[in-house]
Amino acid sequence: MSVENKPGGGVRVRLRNFCGKTMRVQVIVKHWSDSGCKTMPNRPGWLFQAVGGRYDRTVVR
């Protein structure tokens, strides 16, 4: 996972699933809308971006 909090606000989060099984994840953003729940098969990546807020955490659902 890589996280970029942009200086003027906004966030870019790159996720990859190396768990060996399909996972459901959600990116939590402070002071902005969170991502929806995303189903990630093993290996593929996902790029989440928001124009405001700051990265808080990624949770498994």
N, C-alpha and C. Protein backbone atom coordinates (compact mmCIF):
# COMPACT_ATOMS: atom_id res chain seq x y z
N MET A 1 0.85 -1.17 0.00
CA MET A 1 0.00 0.00 0.00
C MET A 1 0.90 1.23 0.00
N SER A 2 0.49 2.23 -0.77
CA SER A 2 1.15 3.52 -0.71
C SER A 2 0.08 4.59 -0.55
N VAL A 3 0.41 5.61 0.24
CA VAL A 3 -0.53 6.68 0.54
C VAL A 3 0.14 8.02 0.22
N GLU A 4 -0.60 8.89 -0.46
CA GLU A 4 -0.12 10.24 -0.74
C GLU A 4 -1.20 11.22 -0.29
N ASN A 5 -0.90 11.99 0.77
CA ASN A 5 -1.77 13.09 1.18
C ASN A 5 -1.27 14.33 0.45
N LYS A 6 -2.11 14.94 -0.36
CA LYS A 6 -1.70 16.08 -1.15
C LYS A 6 -1.66 17.34 -0.27
N PRO A 7 -0.71 18.24 -0.49
CA PRO A 7 -0.55 19.42 0.37
C PRO A 7 -1.80 20.29 0.50
N GLY A 8 -2.55 20.48 -0.57
CA GLY A 8 -3.74 21.31 -0.52
C GLY A 8 -5.00 20.57 -0.13
N GLY A 9 -4.88 19.32 0.28
CA GLY A 9 -6.02 18.47 0.58
C GLY A 9 -6.22 17.44 -0.52
N GLY A 10 -6.73 16.34 -0.16
CA GLY A 10 -6.91 15.24 -1.11
C GLY A 10 -5.97 14.10 -0.78
N VAL A 11 -6.33 12.93 -1.27
CA VAL A 11 -5.56 11.74 -0.95
C VAL A 11 -5.57 10.78 -2.14
N ARG A 12 -4.48 10.04 -2.28
CA ARG A 12 -4.36 8.97 -3.28
C ARG A 12 -3.82 7.75 -2.55
N VAL A 13 -4.56 6.63 -2.63
CA VAL A 13 -4.18 5.39 -1.95
C VAL A 13 -4.12 4.27 -2.98
N ARG A 14 -2.98 3.60 -3.06
CA ARG A 14 -2.81 2.44 -3.94
C ARG A 14 -2.75 1.19 -3.07
N LEU A 15 -3.64 0.25 -3.35
CA LEU A 15 -3.71 -0.99 -2.56
C LEU A 15 -3.45 -2.19 -3.45
N ARG A 16 -2.80 -3.21 -2.89
CA ARG A 16 -2.65 -4.52 -3.56
C ARG A 16 -3.00 -5.58 -2.54
N ASN A 17 -3.61 -6.65 -2.99
CA ASN A 17 -4.02 -7.75 -2.12
C ASN A 17 -3.03 -8.91 -2.28
N PHE A 18 -2.24 -9.16 -1.24
CA PHE A 18 -1.30 -10.28 -1.24
C PHE A 18 -1.67 -11.30 -0.16
N CYS A 19 -2.95 -11.35 0.20
CA CYS A 19 -3.40 -12.23 1.30
C CYS A 19 -3.64 -13.67 0.86
N GLY A 20 -3.66 -13.93 -0.45
CA GLY A 20 -3.89 -15.29 -0.93
C GLY A 20 -5.36 -15.63 -1.06
N LYS A 21 -6.24 -14.66 -0.78
CA LYS A 21 -7.68 -14.88 -0.93
C LYS A 21 -8.34 -13.54 -1.22
N THR A 22 -9.59 -13.58 -1.65
CA THR A 22 -10.35 -12.36 -1.92
C THR A 22 -10.65 -11.65 -0.61
N MET A 23 -10.45 -10.32 -0.60
CA MET A 23 -10.70 -9.50 0.59
C MET A 23 -11.63 -8.35 0.23
N ARG A 24 -12.41 -7.90 1.21
CA ARG A 24 -13.23 -6.69 1.05
C ARG A 24 -12.60 -5.60 1.89
N VAL A 25 -12.29 -4.47 1.27
CA VAL A 25 -11.60 -3.38 1.97
C VAL A 25 -12.33 -2.06 1.77
N GLN A 26 -12.05 -1.13 2.67
CA GLN A 26 -12.61 0.22 2.58
C GLN A 26 -11.55 1.20 3.06
N VAL A 27 -11.37 2.30 2.33
CA VAL A 27 -10.45 3.36 2.72
C VAL A 27 -11.24 4.40 3.51
N ILE A 28 -10.76 4.71 4.73
CA ILE A 28 -11.39 5.70 5.60
C ILE A 28 -10.63 7.01 5.47
N VAL A 29 -11.36 8.09 5.19
CA VAL A 29 -10.77 9.41 4.96
C VAL A 29 -11.29 10.39 6.00
N LYS A 30 -10.40 11.12 6.67
CA LYS A 30 -10.81 12.15 7.64
C LYS A 30 -11.35 13.36 6.89
N HIS A 31 -12.47 13.89 7.37
CA HIS A 31 -13.06 15.12 6.84
C HIS A 31 -13.47 15.02 5.37
N TRP A 32 -13.82 13.81 4.91
CA TRP A 32 -14.27 13.61 3.53
C TRP A 32 -15.04 12.30 3.47
N SER A 33 -15.67 12.01 2.36
CA SER A 33 -16.39 10.74 2.20
C SER A 33 -15.41 9.57 2.09
N ASP A 34 -15.73 8.48 2.76
CA ASP A 34 -14.92 7.27 2.68
C ASP A 34 -15.19 6.59 1.34
N SER A 35 -14.30 5.66 0.97
CA SER A 35 -14.56 4.87 -0.23
C SER A 35 -15.69 3.91 0.07
N GLY A 36 -16.26 3.34 -0.95
CA GLY A 36 -17.19 2.25 -0.75
C GLY A 36 -16.39 0.99 -0.44
N CYS A 37 -17.07 -0.07 -0.08
CA CYS A 37 -16.39 -1.35 0.12
C CYS A 37 -16.00 -1.91 -1.25
N LYS A 38 -14.77 -2.36 -1.35
CA LYS A 38 -14.24 -2.88 -2.61
C LYS A 38 -13.83 -4.33 -2.43
N THR A 39 -14.31 -5.21 -3.30
CA THR A 39 -13.89 -6.61 -3.28
C THR A 39 -12.63 -6.72 -4.12
N MET A 40 -11.55 -7.18 -3.51
CA MET A 40 -10.27 -7.30 -4.19
C MET A 40 -9.83 -8.76 -4.26
N PRO A 41 -9.78 -9.34 -5.46
CA PRO A 41 -9.23 -10.69 -5.59
C PRO A 41 -7.75 -10.67 -5.22
N ASN A 42 -7.16 -11.84 -5.02
CA ASN A 42 -5.74 -11.92 -4.73
C ASN A 42 -4.92 -11.36 -5.89
N ARG A 43 -3.97 -10.52 -5.58
CA ARG A 43 -2.99 -9.90 -6.49
C ARG A 43 -3.41 -8.58 -7.14
N PRO A 44 -4.61 -8.42 -7.72
CA PRO A 44 -4.90 -7.15 -8.39
C PRO A 44 -4.81 -5.94 -7.46
N GLY A 45 -4.58 -4.79 -8.06
CA GLY A 45 -4.48 -3.55 -7.31
C GLY A 45 -5.72 -2.68 -7.48
N TRP A 46 -5.77 -1.63 -6.66
CA TRP A 46 -6.88 -0.67 -6.70
C TRP A 46 -6.33 0.69 -6.34
N LEU A 47 -6.70 1.71 -7.08
CA LEU A 47 -6.30 3.08 -6.79
C LEU A 47 -7.54 3.84 -6.35
N PHE A 48 -7.50 4.38 -5.12
CA PHE A 48 -8.58 5.22 -4.61
C PHE A 48 -8.07 6.65 -4.51
N GLN A 49 -8.88 7.60 -4.99
CA GLN A 49 -8.51 9.01 -4.91
C GLN A 49 -9.69 9.83 -4.40
N ALA A 50 -9.39 10.84 -3.60
CA ALA A 50 -10.39 11.80 -3.12
C ALA A 50 -9.81 13.19 -3.29
N VAL A 51 -10.64 14.16 -3.62
CA VAL A 51 -10.16 15.53 -3.85
C VAL A 51 -10.03 16.32 -2.56
N GLY A 52 -10.49 15.79 -1.45
CA GLY A 52 -10.38 16.46 -0.16
C GLY A 52 -10.09 15.46 0.94
N GLY A 53 -9.88 15.97 2.14
CA GLY A 53 -9.66 15.11 3.29
C GLY A 53 -8.24 14.60 3.39
N ARG A 54 -8.01 13.77 4.41
CA ARG A 54 -6.71 13.17 4.68
C ARG A 54 -6.91 11.68 4.92
N TYR A 55 -5.94 10.87 4.55
CA TYR A 55 -6.01 9.42 4.77
C TYR A 55 -6.06 9.14 6.28
N ASP A 56 -6.96 8.26 6.69
CA ASP A 56 -7.04 7.82 8.09
C ASP A 56 -6.56 6.38 8.23
N ARG A 57 -7.24 5.45 7.52
CA ARG A 57 -6.87 4.03 7.63
C ARG A 57 -7.59 3.23 6.56
N THR A 58 -7.14 2.00 6.40
CA THR A 58 -7.81 1.03 5.52
C THR A 58 -8.32 -0.08 6.40
N VAL A 59 -9.58 -0.47 6.21
CA VAL A 59 -10.17 -1.52 7.04
C VAL A 59 -10.62 -2.69 6.16
N VAL A 60 -10.61 -3.87 6.75
CA VAL A 60 -11.09 -5.08 6.10
C VAL A 60 -12.50 -5.32 6.57
N ARG A 61 -13.42 -5.53 5.65
CA ARG A 61 -14.84 -5.72 5.99
C ARG A 61 -15.25 -7.16 5.85
